[in-house]
Amino acid sequence: MAWMFGDYLQRQLKSREWTAYKLSQKVGVSHSYISSILNGGSTKDKAPPRISVDILLALSKSLSLPESHLLLAYKGIDPDESRINKDEGFDLVQEVMLASVRSGKEWHELSKKQRQQVLEAVTKLTRQYVTQLVAHELERLG
């Protein structure tokens, strides 16, 4: 499976005519770390890098993107084509809530602000999912 998160970020950089270096400066991380995110790791055998909640939120702010879009891309769902099915929606909410976006931290270890931001992103995803589900059911009922 392609590294959706890196692909999504590359599209965002291209649309803004930004370089990876510019993004690294805005986020406050090294250029090599941003490059590893964009490329999904430095080699084919290496797993994509872990992305903390702090970095995810800094990317969201720097790129002026909703956190929910980055969460979708991190989960492997293209936010630009986001028709989330029931299983994807529930899996995503569960993963974000329990794993805190693979930050290596437990939910209780996140700061109050981080928990609030993650909950806001999950709320946006939930609204999007419910809206799509209702629209699908209305369409099905004709």
C-alpha atoms as a PDB file:
ATOM      1  CA  MET A   1       0.000   0.000   0.000  1.00  0.00           C
ATOM      2  CA  ALA A   2       1.322   3.427  -0.886  1.00  0.00           C
ATOM      3  CA  TRP A   3       2.204   5.843   1.905  1.00  0.00           C
ATOM      4  CA  MET A   4      -0.921   7.993   1.586  1.00  0.00           C
ATOM      5  CA  PHE A   5       0.207  10.517   4.169  1.00  0.00           C
ATOM      6  CA  GLY A   6       3.404  11.400   2.304  1.00  0.00           C
ATOM      7  CA  ASP A   7       1.586  11.500  -1.023  1.00  0.00           C
ATOM      8  CA  TYR A   8      -1.054  13.799   0.418  1.00  0.00           C
ATOM      9  CA  LEU A   9       1.550  16.142   1.899  1.00  0.00           C
ATOM     10  CA  GLN A  10       3.454  16.199  -1.394  1.00  0.00           C
ATOM     11  CA  ARG A  11       0.275  17.276  -3.202  1.00  0.00           C
ATOM     12  CA  GLN A  12      -0.241  20.016  -0.614  1.00  0.00           C
ATOM     13  CA  LEU A  13       3.336  21.249  -1.060  1.00  0.00           C
ATOM     14  CA  LYS A  14       3.014  21.229  -4.832  1.00  0.00           C
ATOM     15  CA  SER A  15      -0.245  23.213  -4.757  1.00  0.00           C
ATOM     16  CA  ARG A  16       1.451  25.849  -2.595  1.00  0.00           C
ATOM     17  CA  GLU A  17       4.690  25.727  -4.573  1.00  0.00           C
ATOM     18  CA  TRP A  18       6.539  24.940  -1.342  1.00  0.00           C
ATOM     19  CA  THR A  19       9.619  22.808  -0.864  1.00  0.00           C
ATOM     20  CA  ALA A  20      10.090  20.192   1.824  1.00  0.00           C
ATOM     21  CA  TYR A  21      12.678  22.524   3.311  1.00  0.00           C
ATOM     22  CA  LYS A  22      10.139  25.352   3.613  1.00  0.00           C
ATOM     23  CA  LEU A  23       7.668  23.012   5.319  1.00  0.00           C
ATOM     24  CA  SER A  24      10.357  21.812   7.724  1.00  0.00           C
ATOM     25  CA  GLN A  25      11.079  25.418   8.698  1.00  0.00           C
ATOM     26  CA  LYS A  26       7.392  26.191   9.262  1.00  0.00           C
ATOM     27  CA  VAL A  27       6.842  23.037  11.320  1.00  0.00           C
ATOM     28  CA  GLY A  28      10.103  23.371  13.233  1.00  0.00           C
ATOM     29  CA  VAL A  29      11.617  19.986  12.408  1.00  0.00           C
ATOM     30  CA  SER A  30      14.583  18.858  10.351  1.00  0.00           C
ATOM     31  CA  HIS A  31      14.451  18.700   6.572  1.00  0.00           C
ATOM     32  CA  SER A  32      15.443  15.021   6.711  1.00  0.00           C
ATOM     33  CA  TYR A  33      12.462  14.231   8.966  1.00  0.00           C
ATOM     34  CA  ILE A  34      10.023  15.932   6.573  1.00  0.00           C
ATOM     35  CA  SER A  35      11.679  14.111   3.657  1.00  0.00           C
ATOM     36  CA  SER A  36      11.241  10.788   5.442  1.00  0.00           C
ATOM     37  CA  ILE A  37       7.548  11.585   5.999  1.00  0.00           C
ATOM     38  CA  LEU A  38       7.082  12.554   2.351  1.00  0.00           C
ATOM     39  CA  ASN A  39       8.870   9.424   1.142  1.00  0.00           C
ATOM     40  CA  GLY A  40       7.476   7.004   3.708  1.00  0.00           C
ATOM     41  CA  GLY A  41      10.874   6.105   5.115  1.00  0.00           C
ATOM     42  CA  SER A  42      14.349   6.168   3.680  1.00  0.00           C
ATOM     43  CA  THR A  43      14.361   2.659   2.201  1.00  0.00           C
ATOM     44  CA  LYS A  44      11.820   0.136   0.992  1.00  0.00           C
ATOM     45  CA  ASP A  45      12.502  -2.010   4.062  1.00  0.00           C
ATOM     46  CA  LYS A  46      12.030   0.857   6.503  1.00  0.00           C
ATOM     47  CA  ALA A  47       8.579   1.617   7.845  1.00  0.00           C
ATOM     48  CA  PRO A  48       7.183   5.128   7.499  1.00  0.00           C
ATOM     49  CA  PRO A  49       8.194   7.384  10.374  1.00  0.00           C
ATOM     50  CA  ARG A  50       6.032   7.758  13.438  1.00  0.00           C
ATOM     51  CA  ILE A  51       4.310  11.100  13.608  1.00  0.00           C
ATOM     52  CA  SER A  52       3.480  12.558  16.999  1.00  0.00           C
ATOM     53  CA  VAL A  53       0.330  14.479  17.739  1.00  0.00           C
ATOM     54  CA  ASP A  54       2.451  17.634  18.083  1.00  0.00           C
ATOM     55  CA  ILE A  55       3.905  17.205  14.582  1.00  0.00           C
ATOM     56  CA  LEU A  56       0.511  16.367  13.104  1.00  0.00           C
ATOM     57  CA  LEU A  57      -0.980  19.516  14.598  1.00  0.00           C
ATOM     58  CA  ALA A  58       2.008  21.627  13.495  1.00  0.00           C
ATOM     59  CA  LEU A  59       1.628  20.280   9.937  1.00  0.00           C
ATOM     60  CA  SER A  60      -2.080  21.103  10.039  1.00  0.00           C
ATOM     61  CA  LYS A  61      -1.418  24.648  11.210  1.00  0.00           C
ATOM     62  CA  SER A  62       1.489  25.255   8.815  1.00  0.00           C
ATOM     63  CA  LEU A  63      -0.468  24.033   5.807  1.00  0.00           C
ATOM     64  CA  SER A  64      -3.791  25.566   6.969  1.00  0.00           C
ATOM     65  CA  LEU A  65      -5.464  22.183   6.666  1.00  0.00           C
ATOM     66  CA  PRO A  66      -8.103  20.647   8.908  1.00  0.00           C
ATOM     67  CA  GLU A  67      -6.629  18.120  11.326  1.00  0.00           C
ATOM     68  CA  SER A  68      -9.245  15.668  10.099  1.00  0.00           C
ATOM     69  CA  HIS A  69      -7.699  15.685   6.609  1.00  0.00           C
ATOM     70  CA  LEU A  70      -4.301  14.794   8.003  1.00  0.00           C
ATOM     71  CA  LEU A  71      -5.805  12.071  10.184  1.00  0.00           C
ATOM     72  CA  LEU A  72      -7.529  10.558   7.168  1.00  0.00           C
ATOM     73  CA  ALA A  73      -4.328  10.626   5.122  1.00  0.00           C
ATOM     74  CA  TYR A  74      -2.362   9.145   8.025  1.00  0.00           C
ATOM     75  CA  LYS A  75      -4.865   6.307   8.194  1.00  0.00           C
ATOM     76  CA  GLY A  76      -4.470   5.717   4.449  1.00  0.00           C
ATOM     77  CA  ILE A  77      -7.691   7.378   3.295  1.00  0.00           C
ATOM     78  CA  ASP A  78      -7.334  10.080   0.658  1.00  0.00           C
ATOM     79  CA  PRO A  79      -9.032  13.195   2.093  1.00  0.00           C
ATOM     80  CA  ASP A  80      -9.624  14.503  -1.430  1.00  0.00           C
ATOM     81  CA  GLU A  81     -11.712  11.423  -2.225  1.00  0.00           C
ATOM     82  CA  SER A  82     -12.988  10.826   1.270  1.00  0.00           C
ATOM     83  CA  ARG A  83     -16.061   8.724   1.111  1.00  0.00           C
ATOM     84  CA  ILE A  84     -15.534   6.991   4.420  1.00  0.00           C
ATOM     85  CA  ASN A  85     -17.312   3.683   4.789  1.00  0.00           C
ATOM     86  CA  LYS A  86     -18.662   2.564   8.127  1.00  0.00           C
ATOM     87  CA  ASP A  87     -15.709   0.347   9.027  1.00  0.00           C
ATOM     88  CA  GLU A  88     -13.121   2.973   8.051  1.00  0.00           C
ATOM     89  CA  GLY A  89     -14.912   5.621  10.085  1.00  0.00           C
ATOM     90  CA  PHE A  90     -15.150   3.521  13.219  1.00  0.00           C
ATOM     91  CA  ASP A  91     -11.601   2.198  12.829  1.00  0.00           C
ATOM     92  CA  LEU A  92     -10.246   5.698  12.401  1.00  0.00           C
ATOM     93  CA  VAL A  93     -12.022   7.103  15.439  1.00  0.00           C
ATOM     94  CA  GLN A  94     -10.922   4.146  17.521  1.00  0.00           C
ATOM     95  CA  GLU A  95      -7.335   4.402  16.355  1.00  0.00           C
ATOM     96  CA  VAL A  96      -7.125   8.122  17.038  1.00  0.00           C
ATOM     97  CA  MET A  97      -8.706   7.875  20.451  1.00  0.00           C
ATOM     98  CA  LEU A  98      -6.757   4.849  21.644  1.00  0.00           C
ATOM     99  CA  ALA A  99      -3.401   5.265  19.948  1.00  0.00           C
ATOM    100  CA  SER A 100      -3.281   9.068  19.866  1.00  0.00           C
ATOM    101  CA  VAL A 101      -2.155   9.054  16.230  1.00  0.00           C
ATOM    102  CA  ARG A 102       0.708   6.631  16.890  1.00  0.00           C
ATOM    103  CA  SER A 103       2.442   9.209  19.038  1.00  0.00           C
ATOM    104  CA  GLY A 104       3.719   6.616  21.426  1.00  0.00           C
ATOM    105  CA  LYS A 105       1.762   8.348  24.182  1.00  0.00           C
ATOM    106  CA  GLU A 106      -1.267   7.082  25.995  1.00  0.00           C
ATOM    107  CA  TRP A 107      -4.344   9.311  25.954  1.00  0.00           C
ATOM    108  CA  HIS A 108      -3.766  10.452  29.549  1.00  0.00           C
ATOM    109  CA  GLU A 109      -0.175  11.482  28.674  1.00  0.00           C
ATOM    110  CA  LEU A 110      -1.335  14.057  26.138  1.00  0.00           C
ATOM    111  CA  SER A 111      -1.712  17.633  27.249  1.00  0.00           C
ATOM    112  CA  LYS A 112      -5.193  19.062  27.683  1.00  0.00           C
ATOM    113  CA  LYS A 113      -4.713  21.102  24.496  1.00  0.00           C
ATOM    114  CA  GLN A 114      -3.585  18.029  22.522  1.00  0.00           C
ATOM    115  CA  ARG A 115      -6.567  16.002  23.755  1.00  0.00           C
ATOM    116  CA  GLN A 116      -8.906  18.845  22.827  1.00  0.00           C
ATOM    117  CA  GLN A 117      -7.395  19.122  19.333  1.00  0.00           C
ATOM    118  CA  VAL A 118      -7.607  15.370  18.749  1.00  0.00           C
ATOM    119  CA  LEU A 119     -11.228  15.345  19.943  1.00  0.00           C
ATOM    120  CA  GLU A 120     -12.065  18.250  17.621  1.00  0.00           C
ATOM    121  CA  ALA A 121     -10.520  16.364  14.697  1.00  0.00           C
ATOM    122  CA  VAL A 122     -12.448  13.210  15.611  1.00  0.00           C
ATOM    123  CA  THR A 123     -15.645  15.278  15.874  1.00  0.00           C
ATOM    124  CA  LYS A 124     -15.102  16.645  12.360  1.00  0.00           C
ATOM    125  CA  LEU A 125     -14.528  13.127  11.035  1.00  0.00           C
ATOM    126  CA  THR A 126     -17.589  11.842  12.820  1.00  0.00           C
ATOM    127  CA  ARG A 127     -19.746  14.626  11.360  1.00  0.00           C
ATOM    128  CA  GLN A 128     -18.364  13.887   7.897  1.00  0.00           C
ATOM    129  CA  TYR A 129     -19.034  10.183   8.308  1.00  0.00           C
ATOM    130  CA  VAL A 130     -22.584  10.662   9.638  1.00  0.00           C
ATOM    131  CA  THR A 131     -23.387  13.170   6.872  1.00  0.00           C
ATOM    132  CA  GLN A 132     -22.201  10.694   4.244  1.00  0.00           C
ATOM    133  CA  LEU A 133     -24.092   7.837   5.877  1.00  0.00           C
ATOM    134  CA  VAL A 134     -27.357   9.829   5.990  1.00  0.00           C
ATOM    135  CA  ALA A 135     -26.919  10.977   2.376  1.00  0.00           C
ATOM    136  CA  HIS A 136     -26.285   7.388   1.288  1.00  0.00           C
ATOM    137  CA  GLU A 137     -29.364   6.130   3.119  1.00  0.00           C
ATOM    138  CA  LEU A 138     -31.563   8.897   1.688  1.00  0.00           C
ATOM    139  CA  GLU A 139     -30.254   8.119  -1.779  1.00  0.00           C
ATOM    140  CA  ARG A 140     -30.912   4.414  -1.246  1.00  0.00           C
ATOM    141  CA  LEU A 141     -34.457   5.087  -0.068  1.00  0.00           C
ATOM    142  CA  GLY A 142     -34.932   7.203  -3.144  1.00  0.00           C
END
